[in-house]
Amino acid sequence: MSQVVSTDLNVHAADSYLQPRWYAACTRSRHEKHVRQQLDEKVVETFLPLYESVHRWKDRRARVQLPLFPGYLFVRLALRDVLKVLEVPSVVRLVGFNGKYEPLPEHDIERLRAGLQQDLCPEPHPYLKVGQRVRILSGPLQGHEGVLVRKKQNLQVVLSIELIMRSIIVNLEGTDIVPL
C-alpha cells in the first residue's frame, strides 16, 4: 500500500516539475523591463504589468510606463527551466517558502491581465490587510490612526479614543489610508 502512495507522490512531483506555472521573480530595483527583455530572448513567457505616470524634470515632463509591482516580474515556466530565469544577472530570486518556489494561482494572473485590458488606470498602492493599523492621509480625519476593517466591498477604519475607551467606524477609500 505504501508503494502506491509513494508512486502517486512521485508522479505528482514529476508533473509539477514539468507543468508550466506562473511564478513571481524578484528583480533588482528598476531592472524589471531589462529582465523582461532578457527573458524574452531566452523564450521564457513573461508578464510585466505597467501603469502610466507623468514624471517631471527641470526642463520637461514625460509620460513613462512603470511597473505596477516594483521589483517583480511574473514568469511562466516549468520548474525544470528555472535556471533560465535565475541565471539572468538582475534576477534576485523566485518567490517561495522553505526553499520551494511557490506558483501563483493562474486565475490571479488572468484577472490582472483582463483588468489591465479594460483601462482601469491602476496604480501601485501599499499592501493592506484586515486588522492592520493604518493612518488616514486626507479628508477631515487626516492624521488619525485606526484599524482597517472590511465590510462587504467597503473599507472601514475603526478609530478609537483610548482615554474614554470608545470607538467609531468610518468608510474610506483605499487611497486615503496607508499602513503604519
N, C-alpha and C. Protein backbone atom coordinates (compact mmCIF):
# COMPACT_ATOMS: atom_id res chain seq x y z
N MET A 1 0.82 -1.18 0.00
CA MET A 1 0.00 0.00 0.00
C MET A 1 0.87 1.25 0.00
N SER A 2 1.94 1.28 0.79
CA SER A 2 2.79 2.46 0.84
C SER A 2 3.50 2.69 -0.49
N GLN A 3 3.75 1.63 -1.27
CA GLN A 3 4.39 1.81 -2.57
C GLN A 3 3.47 2.59 -3.52
N VAL A 4 2.19 2.33 -3.47
CA VAL A 4 1.24 3.03 -4.33
C VAL A 4 1.23 4.52 -4.00
N VAL A 5 1.19 4.86 -2.72
CA VAL A 5 1.20 6.25 -2.30
C VAL A 5 2.49 6.91 -2.74
N SER A 6 3.61 6.23 -2.53
CA SER A 6 4.90 6.77 -2.93
C SER A 6 4.95 7.01 -4.44
N THR A 7 4.45 6.07 -5.23
CA THR A 7 4.43 6.22 -6.68
C THR A 7 3.55 7.39 -7.09
N ASP A 8 2.37 7.53 -6.44
CA ASP A 8 1.48 8.64 -6.73
C ASP A 8 2.15 9.98 -6.43
N LEU A 9 2.88 10.06 -5.31
CA LEU A 9 3.57 11.29 -4.96
C LEU A 9 4.66 11.61 -5.97
N ASN A 10 5.37 10.58 -6.44
CA ASN A 10 6.42 10.81 -7.44
C ASN A 10 5.84 11.31 -8.76
N VAL A 11 4.69 10.75 -9.16
CA VAL A 11 4.03 11.20 -10.39
C VAL A 11 3.59 12.64 -10.23
N HIS A 12 3.02 12.99 -9.06
CA HIS A 12 2.58 14.37 -8.80
C HIS A 12 3.78 15.32 -8.82
N ALA A 13 4.88 14.92 -8.19
CA ALA A 13 6.08 15.76 -8.17
C ALA A 13 6.64 15.94 -9.58
N ALA A 14 6.67 14.87 -10.37
CA ALA A 14 7.17 14.96 -11.74
C ALA A 14 6.27 15.86 -12.58
N ASP A 15 4.95 15.75 -12.38
CA ASP A 15 4.01 16.58 -13.12
C ASP A 15 4.23 18.06 -12.80
N SER A 16 4.41 18.40 -11.52
CA SER A 16 4.63 19.80 -11.16
C SER A 16 5.99 20.29 -11.66
N TYR A 17 6.93 19.40 -11.82
CA TYR A 17 8.25 19.75 -12.34
C TYR A 17 8.18 20.08 -13.83
N LEU A 18 7.27 19.44 -14.55
CA LEU A 18 7.16 19.62 -16.00
C LEU A 18 6.06 20.60 -16.41
N GLN A 19 5.10 20.85 -15.53
CA GLN A 19 3.94 21.69 -15.84
C GLN A 19 4.30 23.17 -15.71
N PRO A 20 4.12 23.96 -16.78
CA PRO A 20 4.40 25.41 -16.67
C PRO A 20 3.40 26.09 -15.73
N ARG A 21 3.91 26.95 -14.87
CA ARG A 21 3.09 27.71 -13.94
C ARG A 21 3.67 29.12 -13.83
N TRP A 22 2.86 30.01 -13.29
CA TRP A 22 3.31 31.39 -13.07
C TRP A 22 4.04 31.52 -11.75
N TYR A 23 5.19 32.20 -11.78
CA TYR A 23 5.97 32.48 -10.58
C TYR A 23 6.31 33.96 -10.56
N ALA A 24 6.53 34.50 -9.38
CA ALA A 24 6.96 35.89 -9.24
C ALA A 24 8.48 35.89 -9.12
N ALA A 25 9.12 36.62 -10.03
CA ALA A 25 10.58 36.77 -9.98
C ALA A 25 10.91 38.11 -9.36
N CYS A 26 11.70 38.09 -8.34
CA CYS A 26 12.14 39.31 -7.68
C CYS A 26 13.36 39.83 -8.44
N THR A 27 13.32 41.12 -8.81
CA THR A 27 14.42 41.70 -9.60
C THR A 27 15.13 42.79 -8.81
N ARG A 28 16.28 43.18 -9.31
CA ARG A 28 16.96 44.34 -8.75
C ARG A 28 16.08 45.56 -9.01
N SER A 29 16.23 46.56 -8.18
CA SER A 29 15.44 47.77 -8.30
C SER A 29 15.59 48.39 -9.69
N ARG A 30 14.46 48.69 -10.32
CA ARG A 30 14.39 49.35 -11.63
C ARG A 30 14.99 48.53 -12.77
N HIS A 31 15.03 47.23 -12.62
CA HIS A 31 15.56 46.35 -13.67
C HIS A 31 14.48 45.47 -14.30
N GLU A 32 13.21 45.71 -13.96
CA GLU A 32 12.13 44.84 -14.41
C GLU A 32 12.04 44.75 -15.93
N LYS A 33 12.10 45.88 -16.62
CA LYS A 33 11.98 45.88 -18.09
C LYS A 33 13.19 45.20 -18.73
N HIS A 34 14.35 45.42 -18.16
CA HIS A 34 15.57 44.80 -18.69
C HIS A 34 15.51 43.28 -18.53
N VAL A 35 15.03 42.82 -17.38
CA VAL A 35 14.89 41.38 -17.14
C VAL A 35 13.89 40.80 -18.12
N ARG A 36 12.77 41.50 -18.32
CA ARG A 36 11.76 41.01 -19.28
C ARG A 36 12.38 40.84 -20.67
N GLN A 37 13.17 41.81 -21.09
CA GLN A 37 13.81 41.74 -22.41
C GLN A 37 14.76 40.53 -22.49
N GLN A 38 15.55 40.31 -21.46
CA GLN A 38 16.47 39.18 -21.45
C GLN A 38 15.73 37.85 -21.45
N LEU A 39 14.63 37.77 -20.71
CA LEU A 39 13.87 36.52 -20.67
C LEU A 39 13.12 36.29 -21.98
N ASP A 40 12.68 37.35 -22.64
CA ASP A 40 12.05 37.21 -23.96
C ASP A 40 13.05 36.60 -24.94
N GLU A 41 14.31 37.02 -24.85
CA GLU A 41 15.35 36.46 -25.72
C GLU A 41 15.59 34.98 -25.43
N LYS A 42 15.34 34.55 -24.19
CA LYS A 42 15.50 33.13 -23.83
C LYS A 42 14.20 32.35 -24.04
N VAL A 43 13.21 32.97 -24.63
CA VAL A 43 11.90 32.38 -24.91
C VAL A 43 11.22 31.89 -23.63
N VAL A 44 11.25 32.74 -22.61
CA VAL A 44 10.53 32.49 -21.37
C VAL A 44 9.34 33.45 -21.37
N GLU A 45 8.14 32.90 -21.16
CA GLU A 45 6.94 33.73 -21.14
C GLU A 45 6.96 34.63 -19.90
N THR A 46 6.74 35.93 -20.12
CA THR A 46 6.77 36.89 -19.04
C THR A 46 5.50 37.73 -19.03
N PHE A 47 5.23 38.35 -17.91
CA PHE A 47 4.13 39.30 -17.78
C PHE A 47 4.60 40.38 -16.83
N LEU A 48 4.71 41.59 -17.36
CA LEU A 48 5.13 42.75 -16.57
C LEU A 48 4.02 43.79 -16.64
N PRO A 49 3.12 43.81 -15.66
CA PRO A 49 2.05 44.81 -15.67
C PRO A 49 2.63 46.20 -15.46
N LEU A 50 2.22 47.13 -16.31
CA LEU A 50 2.72 48.50 -16.26
C LEU A 50 1.57 49.48 -16.05
N TYR A 51 1.92 50.65 -15.54
CA TYR A 51 0.96 51.75 -15.45
C TYR A 51 1.66 53.00 -15.97
N GLU A 52 0.86 53.98 -16.35
CA GLU A 52 1.42 55.20 -16.92
C GLU A 52 1.44 56.29 -15.86
N SER A 53 2.55 57.02 -15.83
CA SER A 53 2.72 58.10 -14.87
C SER A 53 3.41 59.27 -15.57
N VAL A 54 3.17 60.46 -15.09
CA VAL A 54 3.85 61.64 -15.63
C VAL A 54 5.00 61.97 -14.69
N HIS A 55 6.21 62.02 -15.25
CA HIS A 55 7.39 62.41 -14.47
C HIS A 55 7.81 63.80 -14.89
N ARG A 56 8.23 64.56 -13.91
CA ARG A 56 8.66 65.93 -14.18
C ARG A 56 10.15 66.06 -13.90
N TRP A 57 10.83 66.67 -14.83
CA TRP A 57 12.22 67.04 -14.65
C TRP A 57 12.28 68.56 -14.70
N LYS A 58 13.44 69.14 -14.48
CA LYS A 58 13.56 70.60 -14.51
C LYS A 58 13.11 71.19 -15.84
N ASP A 59 13.48 70.55 -16.92
CA ASP A 59 13.24 71.13 -18.24
C ASP A 59 12.07 70.52 -19.01
N ARG A 60 11.45 69.44 -18.49
CA ARG A 60 10.40 68.80 -19.28
C ARG A 60 9.54 67.87 -18.42
N ARG A 61 8.45 67.44 -19.04
CA ARG A 61 7.56 66.43 -18.47
C ARG A 61 7.44 65.31 -19.49
N ALA A 62 7.28 64.10 -18.99
CA ALA A 62 7.13 62.97 -19.91
C ALA A 62 6.24 61.90 -19.28
N ARG A 63 5.47 61.24 -20.13
CA ARG A 63 4.70 60.08 -19.69
C ARG A 63 5.62 58.87 -19.75
N VAL A 64 5.65 58.13 -18.66
CA VAL A 64 6.51 56.94 -18.60
C VAL A 64 5.69 55.74 -18.17
N GLN A 65 6.11 54.57 -18.62
CA GLN A 65 5.50 53.31 -18.22
C GLN A 65 6.33 52.72 -17.09
N LEU A 66 5.71 52.50 -15.94
CA LEU A 66 6.41 51.97 -14.77
C LEU A 66 5.77 50.66 -14.33
N PRO A 67 6.55 49.79 -13.69
CA PRO A 67 6.00 48.52 -13.20
C PRO A 67 4.93 48.74 -12.14
N LEU A 68 3.82 48.04 -12.27
CA LEU A 68 2.74 48.12 -11.30
C LEU A 68 3.17 47.51 -9.96
N PHE A 69 4.05 46.51 -10.02
CA PHE A 69 4.59 45.89 -8.82
C PHE A 69 6.12 46.05 -8.86
N PRO A 70 6.62 47.19 -8.39
CA PRO A 70 8.06 47.44 -8.47
C PRO A 70 8.87 46.31 -7.84
N GLY A 71 9.90 45.89 -8.57
CA GLY A 71 10.77 44.83 -8.07
C GLY A 71 10.33 43.43 -8.42
N TYR A 72 9.22 43.30 -9.16
CA TYR A 72 8.70 41.98 -9.51
C TYR A 72 8.31 41.89 -10.98
N LEU A 73 8.46 40.69 -11.50
CA LEU A 73 8.07 40.34 -12.86
C LEU A 73 7.50 38.92 -12.77
N PHE A 74 6.46 38.65 -13.52
CA PHE A 74 5.87 37.31 -13.50
C PHE A 74 6.42 36.49 -14.66
N VAL A 75 6.77 35.25 -14.38
CA VAL A 75 7.30 34.35 -15.40
C VAL A 75 6.49 33.06 -15.39
N ARG A 76 6.25 32.52 -16.59
CA ARG A 76 5.53 31.24 -16.70
C ARG A 76 6.52 30.22 -17.22
N LEU A 77 6.78 29.22 -16.39
CA LEU A 77 7.73 28.19 -16.78
C LEU A 77 7.55 26.94 -15.95
N ALA A 78 8.07 25.84 -16.47
CA ALA A 78 8.14 24.60 -15.71
C ALA A 78 9.36 24.69 -14.81
N LEU A 79 9.30 24.06 -13.66
CA LEU A 79 10.42 24.13 -12.72
C LEU A 79 11.73 23.61 -13.31
N ARG A 80 11.64 22.71 -14.28
CA ARG A 80 12.87 22.20 -14.90
C ARG A 80 13.63 23.31 -15.62
N ASP A 81 12.93 24.42 -15.97
CA ASP A 81 13.54 25.52 -16.71
C ASP A 81 13.89 26.71 -15.82
N VAL A 82 13.88 26.51 -14.52
CA VAL A 82 14.08 27.62 -13.59
C VAL A 82 15.43 28.31 -13.77
N LEU A 83 16.44 27.60 -14.21
CA LEU A 83 17.76 28.21 -14.39
C LEU A 83 17.78 29.27 -15.48
N LYS A 84 16.88 29.15 -16.46
CA LYS A 84 16.78 30.18 -17.49
C LYS A 84 16.50 31.54 -16.86
N VAL A 85 15.73 31.55 -15.79
CA VAL A 85 15.39 32.79 -15.10
C VAL A 85 16.48 33.18 -14.12
N LEU A 86 16.92 32.24 -13.31
CA LEU A 86 17.86 32.56 -12.23
C LEU A 86 19.24 32.97 -12.72
N GLU A 87 19.61 32.59 -13.96
CA GLU A 87 20.93 32.97 -14.45
C GLU A 87 20.94 34.37 -15.08
N VAL A 88 19.79 35.03 -15.16
CA VAL A 88 19.76 36.43 -15.61
C VAL A 88 20.32 37.27 -14.47
N PRO A 89 21.36 38.08 -14.73
CA PRO A 89 22.05 38.79 -13.65
C PRO A 89 21.17 39.67 -12.76
N SER A 90 20.13 40.28 -13.28
CA SER A 90 19.31 41.18 -12.47
C SER A 90 18.17 40.48 -11.75
N VAL A 91 18.05 39.16 -11.89
CA VAL A 91 17.05 38.40 -11.13
C VAL A 91 17.66 38.03 -9.79
N VAL A 92 16.98 38.40 -8.72
CA VAL A 92 17.47 38.10 -7.38
C VAL A 92 17.07 36.69 -6.97
N ARG A 93 15.77 36.36 -7.19
CA ARG A 93 15.27 35.04 -6.80
C ARG A 93 13.85 34.88 -7.31
N LEU A 94 13.35 33.66 -7.24
CA LEU A 94 11.93 33.41 -7.43
C LEU A 94 11.31 33.36 -6.04
N VAL A 95 10.10 33.87 -5.91
CA VAL A 95 9.45 33.91 -4.61
C VAL A 95 9.00 32.51 -4.21
N GLY A 96 9.26 32.18 -2.96
CA GLY A 96 8.87 30.88 -2.44
C GLY A 96 9.05 30.83 -0.94
N PHE A 97 8.79 29.66 -0.38
CA PHE A 97 8.88 29.46 1.06
C PHE A 97 9.60 28.15 1.34
N ASN A 98 10.42 28.16 2.37
CA ASN A 98 11.15 26.96 2.81
C ASN A 98 11.92 26.31 1.67
N GLY A 99 12.53 27.10 0.83
CA GLY A 99 13.35 26.57 -0.25
C GLY A 99 12.58 26.04 -1.44
N LYS A 100 11.26 26.22 -1.48
CA LYS A 100 10.45 25.75 -2.60
C LYS A 100 9.81 26.95 -3.29
N TYR A 101 9.89 27.00 -4.60
CA TYR A 101 9.26 28.07 -5.36
C TYR A 101 7.75 27.91 -5.30
N GLU A 102 7.07 29.01 -5.05
CA GLU A 102 5.62 28.96 -4.87
C GLU A 102 4.92 29.52 -6.12
N PRO A 103 4.15 28.68 -6.83
CA PRO A 103 3.44 29.19 -8.02
C PRO A 103 2.28 30.09 -7.62
N LEU A 104 1.99 31.04 -8.50
CA LEU A 104 0.84 31.93 -8.30
C LEU A 104 -0.40 31.26 -8.85
N PRO A 105 -1.55 31.53 -8.28
CA PRO A 105 -2.79 30.99 -8.85
C PRO A 105 -3.00 31.53 -10.27
N GLU A 106 -3.27 30.65 -11.19
CA GLU A 106 -3.46 31.02 -12.60
C GLU A 106 -4.53 32.10 -12.74
N HIS A 107 -5.62 31.98 -11.98
CA HIS A 107 -6.72 32.94 -12.11
C HIS A 107 -6.31 34.34 -11.66
N ASP A 108 -5.35 34.46 -10.73
CA ASP A 108 -4.89 35.79 -10.32
C ASP A 108 -4.24 36.52 -11.49
N ILE A 109 -3.40 35.81 -12.24
CA ILE A 109 -2.72 36.43 -13.39
C ILE A 109 -3.74 36.76 -14.48
N GLU A 110 -4.67 35.84 -14.73
CA GLU A 110 -5.68 36.08 -15.78
C GLU A 110 -6.58 37.26 -15.43
N ARG A 111 -6.97 37.38 -14.18
CA ARG A 111 -7.80 38.52 -13.76
C ARG A 111 -7.03 39.83 -13.90
N LEU A 112 -5.77 39.81 -13.51
CA LEU A 112 -4.94 41.00 -13.62
C LEU A 112 -4.81 41.42 -15.08
N ARG A 113 -4.53 40.47 -15.95
CA ARG A 113 -4.43 40.77 -17.39
C ARG A 113 -5.74 41.34 -17.92
N ALA A 114 -6.85 40.71 -17.56
CA ALA A 114 -8.16 41.17 -18.04
C ALA A 114 -8.44 42.57 -17.52
N GLY A 115 -8.14 42.84 -16.28
CA GLY A 115 -8.35 44.17 -15.72
C GLY A 115 -7.52 45.24 -16.40
N LEU A 116 -6.28 44.91 -16.72
CA LEU A 116 -5.41 45.89 -17.38
C LEU A 116 -5.87 46.18 -18.80
N GLN A 117 -6.50 45.21 -19.46
CA GLN A 117 -7.02 45.43 -20.81
C GLN A 117 -8.25 46.33 -20.80
N GLN A 118 -8.88 46.49 -19.64
CA GLN A 118 -10.08 47.32 -19.53
C GLN A 118 -9.77 48.78 -19.23
N ASP A 119 -8.51 49.16 -19.27
CA ASP A 119 -8.09 50.55 -19.00
C ASP A 119 -8.61 51.05 -17.65
N LEU A 120 -8.35 50.30 -16.59
CA LEU A 120 -8.78 50.67 -15.26
C LEU A 120 -7.90 51.74 -14.62
N CYS A 121 -6.81 52.11 -15.27
CA CYS A 121 -5.86 53.10 -14.75
C CYS A 121 -5.33 52.71 -13.37
N PRO A 122 -4.75 51.52 -13.24
CA PRO A 122 -4.25 51.09 -11.93
C PRO A 122 -2.99 51.86 -11.55
N GLU A 123 -2.73 51.91 -10.27
CA GLU A 123 -1.51 52.49 -9.73
C GLU A 123 -1.08 51.63 -8.55
N PRO A 124 0.20 51.61 -8.24
CA PRO A 124 0.64 50.86 -7.05
C PRO A 124 0.04 51.46 -5.79
N HIS A 125 -0.17 50.61 -4.80
CA HIS A 125 -0.71 51.05 -3.52
C HIS A 125 -0.11 50.16 -2.45
N PRO A 126 0.14 50.70 -1.26
CA PRO A 126 0.68 49.85 -0.19
C PRO A 126 -0.25 48.68 0.11
N TYR A 127 0.32 47.54 0.42
CA TYR A 127 -0.46 46.35 0.75
C TYR A 127 -1.15 46.56 2.08
N LEU A 128 -2.44 46.30 2.11
CA LEU A 128 -3.23 46.46 3.34
C LEU A 128 -3.93 45.15 3.65
N LYS A 129 -4.08 44.85 4.93
CA LYS A 129 -4.85 43.67 5.32
C LYS A 129 -5.71 44.00 6.53
N VAL A 130 -6.81 43.28 6.64
CA VAL A 130 -7.75 43.50 7.73
C VAL A 130 -7.03 43.31 9.06
N GLY A 131 -7.31 44.21 10.00
CA GLY A 131 -6.70 44.14 11.32
C GLY A 131 -5.43 44.97 11.44
N GLN A 132 -4.95 45.48 10.32
CA GLN A 132 -3.71 46.26 10.30
C GLN A 132 -3.97 47.69 10.75
N ARG A 133 -3.01 48.27 11.46
CA ARG A 133 -3.11 49.68 11.84
C ARG A 133 -2.76 50.53 10.63
N VAL A 134 -3.56 51.58 10.42
CA VAL A 134 -3.40 52.46 9.27
C VAL A 134 -3.48 53.92 9.70
N ARG A 135 -2.98 54.80 8.84
CA ARG A 135 -3.08 56.25 9.05
C ARG A 135 -3.90 56.84 7.91
N ILE A 136 -4.80 57.74 8.24
CA ILE A 136 -5.64 58.41 7.24
C ILE A 136 -4.85 59.56 6.64
N LEU A 137 -4.80 59.60 5.29
CA LEU A 137 -3.97 60.57 4.59
C LEU A 137 -4.68 61.87 4.23
N SER A 138 -6.00 61.81 4.03
CA SER A 138 -6.68 63.02 3.57
C SER A 138 -8.08 63.10 4.15
N GLY A 139 -8.69 64.26 3.98
CA GLY A 139 -10.04 64.47 4.48
C GLY A 139 -10.03 65.02 5.89
N PRO A 140 -11.21 65.14 6.49
CA PRO A 140 -11.32 65.75 7.82
C PRO A 140 -10.64 64.94 8.93
N LEU A 141 -10.42 63.65 8.68
CA LEU A 141 -9.77 62.80 9.69
C LEU A 141 -8.28 62.60 9.42
N GLN A 142 -7.72 63.41 8.55
CA GLN A 142 -6.30 63.28 8.18
C GLN A 142 -5.41 63.23 9.42
N GLY A 143 -4.49 62.25 9.41
CA GLY A 143 -3.54 62.10 10.50
C GLY A 143 -3.97 61.12 11.57
N HIS A 144 -5.27 60.83 11.67
CA HIS A 144 -5.74 59.86 12.66
C HIS A 144 -5.28 58.46 12.29
N GLU A 145 -5.10 57.65 13.31
CA GLU A 145 -4.71 56.26 13.11
C GLU A 145 -5.83 55.36 13.61
N GLY A 146 -5.97 54.21 12.94
CA GLY A 146 -7.00 53.27 13.34
C GLY A 146 -6.68 51.89 12.84
N VAL A 147 -7.67 51.00 12.89
CA VAL A 147 -7.51 49.61 12.47
C VAL A 147 -8.39 49.38 11.26
N LEU A 148 -7.83 48.78 10.22
CA LEU A 148 -8.56 48.52 8.99
C LEU A 148 -9.54 47.37 9.17
N VAL A 149 -10.77 47.59 8.73
CA VAL A 149 -11.83 46.58 8.75
C VAL A 149 -12.46 46.58 7.38
N ARG A 150 -12.87 45.42 6.89
CA ARG A 150 -13.53 45.36 5.60
C ARG A 150 -14.94 44.82 5.82
N LYS A 151 -15.91 45.58 5.37
CA LYS A 151 -17.30 45.15 5.49
C LYS A 151 -17.88 45.13 4.08
N LYS A 152 -18.14 43.94 3.57
CA LYS A 152 -18.57 43.72 2.20
C LYS A 152 -17.54 44.34 1.26
N GLN A 153 -17.92 45.30 0.44
CA GLN A 153 -16.98 45.87 -0.52
C GLN A 153 -16.31 47.15 -0.01
N ASN A 154 -16.72 47.65 1.15
CA ASN A 154 -16.19 48.91 1.66
C ASN A 154 -14.98 48.70 2.55
N LEU A 155 -14.10 49.68 2.53
CA LEU A 155 -13.01 49.70 3.51
C LEU A 155 -13.47 50.57 4.65
N GLN A 156 -13.33 50.06 5.83
CA GLN A 156 -13.71 50.83 7.01
C GLN A 156 -12.55 50.84 7.97
N VAL A 157 -12.42 51.94 8.69
CA VAL A 157 -11.36 52.08 9.67
C VAL A 157 -12.02 52.37 11.02
N VAL A 158 -11.60 51.63 12.03
CA VAL A 158 -12.07 51.85 13.39
C VAL A 158 -11.11 52.84 14.04
N LEU A 159 -11.66 53.96 14.49
CA LEU A 159 -10.87 54.97 15.19
C LEU A 159 -11.28 54.94 16.66
N SER A 160 -10.29 54.93 17.54
CA SER A 160 -10.58 54.80 18.97
C SER A 160 -10.04 55.98 19.75
N ILE A 161 -10.78 56.34 20.78
CA ILE A 161 -10.31 57.32 21.76
C ILE A 161 -10.01 56.52 23.01
N GLU A 162 -8.73 56.29 23.23
CA GLU A 162 -8.29 55.39 24.30
C GLU A 162 -8.75 55.86 25.68
N LEU A 163 -8.70 57.17 25.92
CA LEU A 163 -8.99 57.70 27.24
C LEU A 163 -10.40 57.35 27.71
N ILE A 164 -11.37 57.40 26.78
CA ILE A 164 -12.75 57.08 27.18
C ILE A 164 -13.17 55.68 26.74
N MET A 165 -12.24 54.96 26.13
CA MET A 165 -12.46 53.59 25.69
C MET A 165 -13.70 53.48 24.79
N ARG A 166 -13.75 54.32 23.77
CA ARG A 166 -14.83 54.31 22.80
C ARG A 166 -14.24 54.37 21.40
N SER A 167 -15.01 53.83 20.43
CA SER A 167 -14.54 53.79 19.05
C SER A 167 -15.65 54.18 18.10
N ILE A 168 -15.26 54.62 16.91
CA ILE A 168 -16.20 54.84 15.82
C ILE A 168 -15.65 54.12 14.60
N ILE A 169 -16.53 53.89 13.62
CA ILE A 169 -16.09 53.27 12.38
C ILE A 169 -16.44 54.21 11.24
N VAL A 170 -15.51 54.41 10.30
CA VAL A 170 -15.73 55.31 9.16
C VAL A 170 -15.42 54.59 7.86
N ASN A 171 -16.17 54.93 6.81
CA ASN A 171 -15.91 54.39 5.46
C ASN A 171 -14.88 55.26 4.78
N LEU A 172 -13.91 54.63 4.15
CA LEU A 172 -12.85 55.36 3.45
C LEU A 172 -12.49 54.68 2.14
N GLU A 173 -11.87 55.42 1.26
CA GLU A 173 -11.32 54.87 0.03
C GLU A 173 -9.94 54.30 0.34
N GLY A 174 -9.53 53.30 -0.42
CA GLY A 174 -8.22 52.69 -0.22
C GLY A 174 -7.08 53.66 -0.41
N THR A 175 -7.28 54.68 -1.24
CA THR A 175 -6.21 55.66 -1.49
C THR A 175 -6.06 56.66 -0.37
N ASP A 176 -7.01 56.67 0.59
CA ASP A 176 -6.98 57.61 1.69
C ASP A 176 -6.23 57.09 2.90
N ILE A 177 -5.74 55.84 2.84
CA ILE A 177 -5.07 55.27 4.00
C ILE A 177 -3.75 54.62 3.60
N VAL A 178 -2.84 54.57 4.57
CA VAL A 178 -1.56 53.87 4.37
C VAL A 178 -1.28 53.04 5.61
N PRO A 179 -0.57 51.93 5.44
CA PRO A 179 -0.23 51.12 6.62
C PRO A 179 0.81 51.81 7.48
N LEU A 180 0.80 51.51 8.76
CA LEU A 180 1.82 52.04 9.68
C LEU A 180 2.98 51.09 9.76
